[in-house]
Amino acid sequence: MVENGKGGDPHSVGEVLDRLQELGDDAGGDKVRLGDMLEAMGHRAYGPFLIVLPMIEISPVGGIPGLPTALAAVLALLAIQLVLGRKHLWLPGFLANRGMKGGNLQKVVEKGRPIAKRMDRWFHGRLPALTKGPMVKVAGVAVLLLCLTVPPLELLPFASTAPMAAIMAFGIALLVRDGALMIVACALSVGAVALGAGLFATRQG
């Protein structure tokens, strides 16, 4: 079981990727565990993890069969902890020991750099009150609902990207305390769930 790590919390998407880059460089061909990522992200890693895990799914690495569902399971665990008001992120040992090769993590970081630059330029501390208190639990509920849409959507090409992008928006909003982005993330969640339901219903029909 892995609890919170040491070091200060990251304050931007670029800083999150910098820490992942360092982990990937150090690991080389070895595995970077989720527990290692948690240690690198600091004490309150909800925002960073809600960014990193969707970013993995959206990257080419996310095309591995079963990976989107596995990532959604981890994200659902984080969402439950947000709803329960847990101050520090917690991972059970069997999840903390899961991970990916350092080279694959470096690919995720490389693909995420352009996104990070735009996100850090656009979003920064607007309406911070909307990223605290009850809104954190609202975000947790929304993320949990989005995670539930991923397993069936994995059967459709690229369909799981929609809920993962909405989850990433919540992560960035919590990381940089941007309430305006929190509102956008809520709207994206409604759209992503509706889109996913429509795509799945069409496929079933």
C-alpha atoms as a PDB file:
ATOM      1  CA  MET A   1       0.000   0.000   0.000  1.00  0.00           C
ATOM      2  CA  VAL A   2       1.395   3.405  -0.962  1.00  0.00           C
ATOM      3  CA  GLU A   3       0.356   6.621   0.728  1.00  0.00           C
ATOM      4  CA  ASN A   4       1.468  10.152  -0.002  1.00  0.00           C
ATOM      5  CA  GLY A   5       4.967  10.887  -1.180  1.00  0.00           C
ATOM      6  CA  LYS A   6       7.604  13.450  -0.318  1.00  0.00           C
ATOM      7  CA  GLY A   7       8.235  16.771  -1.966  1.00  0.00           C
ATOM      8  CA  GLY A   8       6.128  19.739  -2.935  1.00  0.00           C
ATOM      9  CA  ASP A   9       3.025  19.468  -5.040  1.00  0.00           C
ATOM     10  CA  PRO A  10       3.246  20.461  -8.732  1.00  0.00           C
ATOM     11  CA  HIS A  11       1.465  23.673  -9.685  1.00  0.00           C
ATOM     12  CA  SER A  12       1.175  23.357 -13.470  1.00  0.00           C
ATOM     13  CA  VAL A  13       0.618  20.700 -16.111  1.00  0.00           C
ATOM     14  CA  GLY A  14       4.140  21.322 -17.390  1.00  0.00           C
ATOM     15  CA  GLU A  15       5.562  20.591 -13.953  1.00  0.00           C
ATOM     16  CA  VAL A  16       3.573  17.353 -13.779  1.00  0.00           C
ATOM     17  CA  LEU A  17       5.115  16.286 -17.087  1.00  0.00           C
ATOM     18  CA  ASP A  18       8.581  17.324 -15.919  1.00  0.00           C
ATOM     19  CA  ARG A  19       8.288  14.929 -13.004  1.00  0.00           C
ATOM     20  CA  LEU A  20       7.062  12.136 -15.263  1.00  0.00           C
ATOM     21  CA  GLN A  21       9.938  12.833 -17.656  1.00  0.00           C
ATOM     22  CA  GLU A  22      12.402  12.430 -14.816  1.00  0.00           C
ATOM     23  CA  LEU A  23      10.818   9.123 -13.810  1.00  0.00           C
ATOM     24  CA  GLY A  24      10.945   7.885 -17.397  1.00  0.00           C
ATOM     25  CA  ASP A  25      14.566   8.930 -17.815  1.00  0.00           C
ATOM     26  CA  ASP A  26      15.589   7.200 -14.588  1.00  0.00           C
ATOM     27  CA  ALA A  27      13.698   4.000 -15.412  1.00  0.00           C
ATOM     28  CA  GLY A  28      14.892   3.553 -18.989  1.00  0.00           C
ATOM     29  CA  GLY A  29      13.626   0.131 -20.046  1.00  0.00           C
ATOM     30  CA  ASP A  30      12.394  -0.710 -16.544  1.00  0.00           C
ATOM     31  CA  LYS A  31       8.866  -0.189 -15.271  1.00  0.00           C
ATOM     32  CA  VAL A  32       7.653   3.037 -13.691  1.00  0.00           C
ATOM     33  CA  ARG A  33       5.054   2.041 -11.100  1.00  0.00           C
ATOM     34  CA  LEU A  34       1.953   4.034 -10.215  1.00  0.00           C
ATOM     35  CA  GLY A  35       3.424   4.158  -6.743  1.00  0.00           C
ATOM     36  CA  ASP A  36       6.533   5.841  -8.160  1.00  0.00           C
ATOM     37  CA  MET A  37       4.331   8.411  -9.883  1.00  0.00           C
ATOM     38  CA  LEU A  38       2.499   9.068  -6.632  1.00  0.00           C
ATOM     39  CA  GLU A  39       5.775   9.600  -4.788  1.00  0.00           C
ATOM     40  CA  ALA A  40       6.896  12.056  -7.462  1.00  0.00           C
ATOM     41  CA  MET A  41       3.671  14.083  -7.429  1.00  0.00           C
ATOM     42  CA  GLY A  42       3.599  14.947  -3.740  1.00  0.00           C
ATOM     43  CA  HIS A  43       1.025  14.831  -0.986  1.00  0.00           C
ATOM     44  CA  ARG A  44      -2.162  15.810  -2.802  1.00  0.00           C
ATOM     45  CA  ALA A  45      -1.862  14.083  -6.152  1.00  0.00           C
ATOM     46  CA  TYR A  46      -5.535  14.058  -7.149  1.00  0.00           C
ATOM     47  CA  GLY A  47      -5.168  16.779  -9.771  1.00  0.00           C
ATOM     48  CA  PRO A  48      -1.957  15.364 -11.284  1.00  0.00           C
ATOM     49  CA  PHE A  49      -3.310  11.805 -11.428  1.00  0.00           C
ATOM     50  CA  LEU A  50      -6.556  12.986 -13.012  1.00  0.00           C
ATOM     51  CA  ILE A  51      -4.342  14.526 -15.694  1.00  0.00           C
ATOM     52  CA  VAL A  52      -1.712  11.822 -16.137  1.00  0.00           C
ATOM     53  CA  LEU A  53      -3.954   8.754 -16.407  1.00  0.00           C
ATOM     54  CA  PRO A  54      -6.290  10.251 -19.055  1.00  0.00           C
ATOM     55  CA  MET A  55      -3.221  11.526 -20.912  1.00  0.00           C
ATOM     56  CA  ILE A  56      -1.908   7.957 -21.063  1.00  0.00           C
ATOM     57  CA  GLU A  57      -5.224   6.801 -22.510  1.00  0.00           C
ATOM     58  CA  ILE A  58      -5.345   9.593 -25.082  1.00  0.00           C
ATOM     59  CA  SER A  59      -1.750   8.927 -26.201  1.00  0.00           C
ATOM     60  CA  PRO A  60      -0.844   6.140 -28.673  1.00  0.00           C
ATOM     61  CA  VAL A  61      -0.013   3.945 -25.670  1.00  0.00           C
ATOM     62  CA  GLY A  62      -3.720   3.995 -24.818  1.00  0.00           C
ATOM     63  CA  GLY A  63      -4.449   1.826 -27.831  1.00  0.00           C
ATOM     64  CA  ILE A  64      -3.402  -1.296 -25.935  1.00  0.00           C
ATOM     65  CA  PRO A  65      -6.570  -3.438 -25.496  1.00  0.00           C
ATOM     66  CA  GLY A  66      -7.881  -3.294 -21.957  1.00  0.00           C
ATOM     67  CA  LEU A  67      -5.703  -0.356 -20.908  1.00  0.00           C
ATOM     68  CA  PRO A  68      -8.495   2.287 -21.001  1.00  0.00           C
ATOM     69  CA  THR A  69     -10.647   0.138 -18.715  1.00  0.00           C
ATOM     70  CA  ALA A  70      -7.727  -0.478 -16.346  1.00  0.00           C
ATOM     71  CA  LEU A  71      -7.008   3.255 -16.182  1.00  0.00           C
ATOM     72  CA  ALA A  72     -10.703   3.963 -15.602  1.00  0.00           C
ATOM     73  CA  ALA A  73     -10.669   1.546 -12.649  1.00  0.00           C
ATOM     74  CA  VAL A  74      -7.806   3.455 -11.026  1.00  0.00           C
ATOM     75  CA  LEU A  75      -9.498   6.773 -11.749  1.00  0.00           C
ATOM     76  CA  ALA A  76     -12.734   5.483 -10.213  1.00  0.00           C
ATOM     77  CA  LEU A  77     -10.834   4.672  -7.010  1.00  0.00           C
ATOM     78  CA  LEU A  78      -9.463   8.227  -6.954  1.00  0.00           C
ATOM     79  CA  ALA A  79     -12.935   9.645  -7.581  1.00  0.00           C
ATOM     80  CA  ILE A  80     -14.381   7.709  -4.643  1.00  0.00           C
ATOM     81  CA  GLN A  81     -11.663   9.140  -2.403  1.00  0.00           C
ATOM     82  CA  LEU A  82     -12.484  12.656  -3.616  1.00  0.00           C
ATOM     83  CA  VAL A  83     -16.162  12.129  -2.796  1.00  0.00           C
ATOM     84  CA  LEU A  84     -15.277  10.787   0.650  1.00  0.00           C
ATOM     85  CA  GLY A  85     -13.095  13.825   1.313  1.00  0.00           C
ATOM     86  CA  ARG A  86      -9.854  11.932   1.816  1.00  0.00           C
ATOM     87  CA  LYS A  87      -7.018  14.448   2.107  1.00  0.00           C
ATOM     88  CA  HIS A  88      -4.236  12.278   0.728  1.00  0.00           C
ATOM     89  CA  LEU A  89      -4.362   9.971  -2.249  1.00  0.00           C
ATOM     90  CA  TRP A  90      -4.171   6.271  -1.406  1.00  0.00           C
ATOM     91  CA  LEU A  91      -3.359   3.327  -3.642  1.00  0.00           C
ATOM     92  CA  PRO A  92      -3.568  -0.343  -2.636  1.00  0.00           C
ATOM     93  CA  GLY A  93      -0.374  -2.279  -3.237  1.00  0.00           C
ATOM     94  CA  PHE A  94      -1.629  -4.277  -6.215  1.00  0.00           C
ATOM     95  CA  LEU A  95      -2.357  -1.017  -8.061  1.00  0.00           C
ATOM     96  CA  ALA A  96       0.710   0.832  -6.801  1.00  0.00           C
ATOM     97  CA  ASN A  97       2.878  -1.910  -8.307  1.00  0.00           C
ATOM     98  CA  ARG A  98       1.257  -1.628 -11.755  1.00  0.00           C
ATOM     99  CA  GLY A  99       2.952   0.623 -14.240  1.00  0.00           C
ATOM    100  CA  MET A 100       4.514   1.069 -17.657  1.00  0.00           C
ATOM    101  CA  LYS A 101       7.997   1.029 -19.143  1.00  0.00           C
ATOM    102  CA  GLY A 102       9.993   4.212 -18.867  1.00  0.00           C
ATOM    103  CA  GLY A 103      10.201   4.521 -22.655  1.00  0.00           C
ATOM    104  CA  ASN A 104       6.423   4.411 -23.004  1.00  0.00           C
ATOM    105  CA  LEU A 105       6.056   7.001 -20.262  1.00  0.00           C
ATOM    106  CA  GLN A 106       8.471   9.251 -22.136  1.00  0.00           C
ATOM    107  CA  LYS A 107       6.267   8.927 -25.235  1.00  0.00           C
ATOM    108  CA  VAL A 108       3.248  10.021 -23.197  1.00  0.00           C
ATOM    109  CA  VAL A 109       5.180  13.039 -21.930  1.00  0.00           C
ATOM    110  CA  GLU A 110       6.311  13.956 -25.444  1.00  0.00           C
ATOM    111  CA  LYS A 111       2.755  13.806 -26.793  1.00  0.00           C
ATOM    112  CA  GLY A 112       1.459  15.751 -23.803  1.00  0.00           C
ATOM    113  CA  ARG A 113       3.878  18.690 -24.024  1.00  0.00           C
ATOM    114  CA  PRO A 114       1.856  20.713 -26.571  1.00  0.00           C
ATOM    115  CA  ILE A 115      -1.295  20.182 -24.502  1.00  0.00           C
ATOM    116  CA  ALA A 116       0.516  21.221 -21.328  1.00  0.00           C
ATOM    117  CA  LYS A 117       1.777  24.475 -22.859  1.00  0.00           C
ATOM    118  CA  ARG A 118      -1.695  25.468 -23.971  1.00  0.00           C
ATOM    119  CA  MET A 119      -3.356  24.463 -20.713  1.00  0.00           C
ATOM    120  CA  ASP A 120      -0.836  26.343 -18.571  1.00  0.00           C
ATOM    121  CA  ARG A 121      -1.265  29.431 -20.736  1.00  0.00           C
ATOM    122  CA  TRP A 122      -5.057  29.393 -20.737  1.00  0.00           C
ATOM    123  CA  PHE A 123      -6.003  28.245 -17.231  1.00  0.00           C
ATOM    124  CA  HIS A 124      -4.769  29.775 -13.989  1.00  0.00           C
ATOM    125  CA  GLY A 125      -6.689  30.542 -10.822  1.00  0.00           C
ATOM    126  CA  ARG A 126      -9.996  32.002 -12.003  1.00  0.00           C
ATOM    127  CA  LEU A 127     -12.955  31.636  -9.596  1.00  0.00           C
ATOM    128  CA  PRO A 128     -10.885  29.498  -7.197  1.00  0.00           C
ATOM    129  CA  ALA A 129     -13.853  29.096  -4.822  1.00  0.00           C
ATOM    130  CA  LEU A 130     -15.376  26.701  -7.370  1.00  0.00           C
ATOM    131  CA  THR A 131     -12.459  24.285  -6.891  1.00  0.00           C
ATOM    132  CA  LYS A 132     -13.004  23.844  -3.160  1.00  0.00           C
ATOM    133  CA  GLY A 133     -15.516  22.331  -0.749  1.00  0.00           C
ATOM    134  CA  PRO A 134     -18.638  20.813  -2.313  1.00  0.00           C
ATOM    135  CA  MET A 135     -17.355  21.338  -5.852  1.00  0.00           C
ATOM    136  CA  VAL A 136     -14.542  18.865  -5.221  1.00  0.00           C
ATOM    137  CA  LYS A 137     -17.131  16.220  -4.398  1.00  0.00           C
ATOM    138  CA  VAL A 138     -19.129  17.203  -7.473  1.00  0.00           C
ATOM    139  CA  ALA A 139     -15.976  16.654  -9.515  1.00  0.00           C
ATOM    140  CA  GLY A 140     -15.479  13.272  -7.851  1.00  0.00           C
ATOM    141  CA  VAL A 141     -19.017  12.143  -8.699  1.00  0.00           C
ATOM    142  CA  ALA A 142     -18.640  13.335 -12.289  1.00  0.00           C
ATOM    143  CA  VAL A 143     -15.314  11.514 -12.703  1.00  0.00           C
ATOM    144  CA  LEU A 144     -16.821   8.330 -11.291  1.00  0.00           C
ATOM    145  CA  LEU A 145     -19.723   8.494 -13.760  1.00  0.00           C
ATOM    146  CA  LEU A 146     -17.315   9.151 -16.614  1.00  0.00           C
ATOM    147  CA  CYS A 147     -15.217   6.144 -15.597  1.00  0.00           C
ATOM    148  CA  LEU A 148     -18.283   3.909 -15.783  1.00  0.00           C
ATOM    149  CA  THR A 149     -18.714   4.832 -19.454  1.00  0.00           C
ATOM    150  CA  VAL A 150     -15.192   3.751 -20.424  1.00  0.00           C
ATOM    151  CA  PRO A 151     -15.465  -0.089 -20.454  1.00  0.00           C
ATOM    152  CA  PRO A 152     -18.353  -0.245 -22.977  1.00  0.00           C
ATOM    153  CA  LEU A 153     -16.918   2.624 -25.016  1.00  0.00           C
ATOM    154  CA  GLU A 154     -13.585   0.826 -25.326  1.00  0.00           C
ATOM    155  CA  LEU A 155     -15.341  -1.404 -27.861  1.00  0.00           C
ATOM    156  CA  LEU A 156     -15.713   1.627 -30.158  1.00  0.00           C
ATOM    157  CA  PRO A 157     -12.652   3.215 -31.825  1.00  0.00           C
ATOM    158  CA  PHE A 158     -11.505   6.341 -29.951  1.00  0.00           C
ATOM    159  CA  ALA A 159     -14.851   6.660 -28.124  1.00  0.00           C
ATOM    160  CA  SER A 160     -13.287   6.456 -24.646  1.00  0.00           C
ATOM    161  CA  THR A 161     -11.249   9.582 -25.436  1.00  0.00           C
ATOM    162  CA  ALA A 162     -14.309  11.790 -24.754  1.00  0.00           C
ATOM    163  CA  PRO A 163     -14.793  10.845 -21.075  1.00  0.00           C
ATOM    164  CA  MET A 164     -11.029  10.786 -20.515  1.00  0.00           C
ATOM    165  CA  ALA A 165     -10.699  14.330 -21.884  1.00  0.00           C
ATOM    166  CA  ALA A 166     -13.431  15.493 -19.489  1.00  0.00           C
ATOM    167  CA  ILE A 167     -11.641  13.801 -16.576  1.00  0.00           C
ATOM    168  CA  MET A 168      -8.413  15.546 -17.590  1.00  0.00           C
ATOM    169  CA  ALA A 169     -10.238  18.890 -17.512  1.00  0.00           C
ATOM    170  CA  PHE A 170     -11.286  18.217 -13.904  1.00  0.00           C
ATOM    171  CA  GLY A 171      -7.687  17.323 -13.047  1.00  0.00           C
ATOM    172  CA  ILE A 172      -6.313  20.547 -14.515  1.00  0.00           C
ATOM    173  CA  ALA A 173      -9.027  22.592 -12.781  1.00  0.00           C
ATOM    174  CA  LEU A 174      -8.144  21.070  -9.404  1.00  0.00           C
ATOM    175  CA  LEU A 175      -4.400  21.409 -10.010  1.00  0.00           C
ATOM    176  CA  VAL A 176      -4.388  25.106 -10.941  1.00  0.00           C
ATOM    177  CA  ARG A 177      -7.497  26.072  -8.924  1.00  0.00           C
ATOM    178  CA  ASP A 178      -9.401  27.303 -11.967  1.00  0.00           C
ATOM    179  CA  GLY A 179     -13.129  27.412 -11.261  1.00  0.00           C
ATOM    180  CA  ALA A 180     -13.955  28.528 -14.789  1.00  0.00           C
ATOM    181  CA  LEU A 181     -12.374  25.334 -16.096  1.00  0.00           C
ATOM    182  CA  MET A 182     -14.323  23.381 -13.461  1.00  0.00           C
ATOM    183  CA  ILE A 183     -17.534  24.680 -15.036  1.00  0.00           C
ATOM    184  CA  VAL A 184     -16.253  23.716 -18.478  1.00  0.00           C
ATOM    185  CA  ALA A 185     -15.336  20.247 -17.175  1.00  0.00           C
ATOM    186  CA  CYS A 186     -18.876  19.757 -15.852  1.00  0.00           C
ATOM    187  CA  ALA A 187     -20.288  20.696 -19.258  1.00  0.00           C
ATOM    188  CA  LEU A 188     -17.819  18.379 -20.992  1.00  0.00           C
ATOM    189  CA  SER A 189     -18.905  15.577 -18.676  1.00  0.00           C
ATOM    190  CA  VAL A 190     -22.539  15.911 -19.686  1.00  0.00           C
ATOM    191  CA  GLY A 191     -21.536  16.007 -23.331  1.00  0.00           C
ATOM    192  CA  ALA A 192     -19.131  13.070 -23.024  1.00  0.00           C
ATOM    193  CA  VAL A 193     -21.668  10.858 -21.258  1.00  0.00           C
ATOM    194  CA  ALA A 194     -24.362  11.754 -23.791  1.00  0.00           C
ATOM    195  CA  LEU A 195     -22.004  11.156 -26.715  1.00  0.00           C
ATOM    196  CA  GLY A 196     -20.844   7.871 -25.273  1.00  0.00           C
ATOM    197  CA  ALA A 197     -24.378   6.689 -24.638  1.00  0.00           C
ATOM    198  CA  GLY A 198     -25.393   7.651 -28.153  1.00  0.00           C
ATOM    199  CA  LEU A 199     -22.433   5.902 -29.774  1.00  0.00           C
ATOM    200  CA  PHE A 200     -22.947   2.771 -27.715  1.00  0.00           C
ATOM    201  CA  ALA A 201     -26.689   2.704 -28.424  1.00  0.00           C
ATOM    202  CA  THR A 202     -26.005   3.097 -32.143  1.00  0.00           C
ATOM    203  CA  ARG A 203     -23.492   0.258 -32.056  1.00  0.00           C
ATOM    204  CA  GLN A 204     -25.919  -1.984 -30.209  1.00  0.00           C
ATOM    205  CA  GLY A 205     -28.689  -1.133 -32.688  1.00  0.00           C
END
